[in-house]
Amino acid sequence: MSPVQDARPCVFCRKHPVEAKWRPFCSERCKVQDLAHWADGTYRVAAEPVNPATGAGDHNTDTSEY
């Protein structure tokens, strides 16, 4: 196969081939737009719901003082 046929599309826009400088994106624009989606909460990682009564991120069950 030729390098053109092996070119993978940008993971954000899926229109342009990946540029080595911005891998896995085709450009800085796609890289920044993808980051913006993570920052504004559009993209999320699946997880168990957080119970506000116990506090977010409080997984320490040890009640002893240090």
Protein backbone atom coordinates (compact mmCIF):
# COMPACT_ATOMS: atom_id res chain seq x y z
CA MET A 1 0.00 0.00 0.00
CA SER A 2 1.12 3.52 -0.67
CA PRO A 3 1.62 6.03 2.18
CA VAL A 4 -1.48 7.93 1.01
CA GLN A 5 -3.66 4.86 1.45
CA ASP A 6 -2.13 4.15 4.89
CA ALA A 7 -2.76 7.69 6.16
CA ARG A 8 -5.07 7.75 9.15
CA PRO A 9 -7.66 10.48 9.47
CA CYS A 10 -7.56 13.08 12.21
CA VAL A 11 -9.32 11.78 15.34
CA PHE A 12 -11.25 15.05 15.67
CA CYS A 13 -12.37 16.14 12.19
CA ARG A 14 -11.94 12.81 10.36
CA LYS A 15 -11.32 14.80 7.15
CA HIS A 16 -7.56 15.28 6.91
CA PRO A 17 -4.65 12.90 7.39
CA VAL A 18 -2.72 13.06 10.66
CA GLU A 19 0.30 15.36 10.74
CA ALA A 20 3.29 14.03 12.69
CA LYS A 21 3.64 17.37 14.50
CA TRP A 22 0.05 17.26 15.85
CA ARG A 23 -0.48 13.50 16.09
CA PRO A 24 -3.19 12.15 16.45
CA PHE A 25 -4.67 15.37 15.01
CA CYS A 26 -4.22 16.99 11.61
CA SER A 27 -3.61 20.50 12.94
CA GLU A 28 -3.29 22.68 16.01
CA ARG A 29 -6.89 23.78 15.41
CA CYS A 30 -8.26 20.25 15.82
CA LYS A 31 -6.02 19.67 18.84
CA VAL A 32 -7.30 22.81 20.58
CA GLN A 33 -10.93 22.08 19.73
CA ASP A 34 -10.61 18.57 21.17
CA LEU A 35 -9.09 20.01 24.36
CA ALA A 36 -11.96 22.50 24.59
CA HIS A 37 -14.48 19.63 24.48
CA TRP A 38 -12.74 18.02 27.48
CA ALA A 39 -12.55 21.36 29.32
CA ASP A 40 -16.22 22.28 28.90
CA GLY A 41 -17.48 18.81 29.86
CA THR A 42 -18.69 17.74 26.41
CA TYR A 43 -16.40 14.70 26.68
CA ARG A 44 -16.57 12.69 29.89
CA VAL A 45 -15.12 9.45 31.18
CA ALA A 46 -17.75 6.99 32.35
CA ALA A 47 -17.75 6.47 36.11
CA GLU A 48 -19.99 5.74 39.04
CA PRO A 49 -22.20 8.67 40.11
CA VAL A 50 -20.81 10.77 42.97
CA ASN A 51 -22.89 11.03 46.13
CA PRO A 52 -22.76 14.70 47.26
CA ALA A 53 -23.36 13.65 50.90
CA THR A 54 -20.04 11.77 51.05
CA GLY A 55 -18.06 14.34 49.10
CA ALA A 56 -16.45 14.03 45.71
CA GLY A 57 -13.19 12.12 45.60
CA ASP A 58 -13.26 11.14 49.29
CA HIS A 59 -12.42 7.45 48.98
CA ASN A 60 -10.40 7.15 52.19
CA THR A 61 -12.33 5.02 54.68
CA ASP A 62 -9.62 5.25 57.35
CA THR A 63 -10.96 7.51 60.10
CA SER A 64 -7.80 7.50 62.23
CA GLU A 65 -5.88 10.76 62.64
CA TYR A 66 -2.35 11.12 61.32
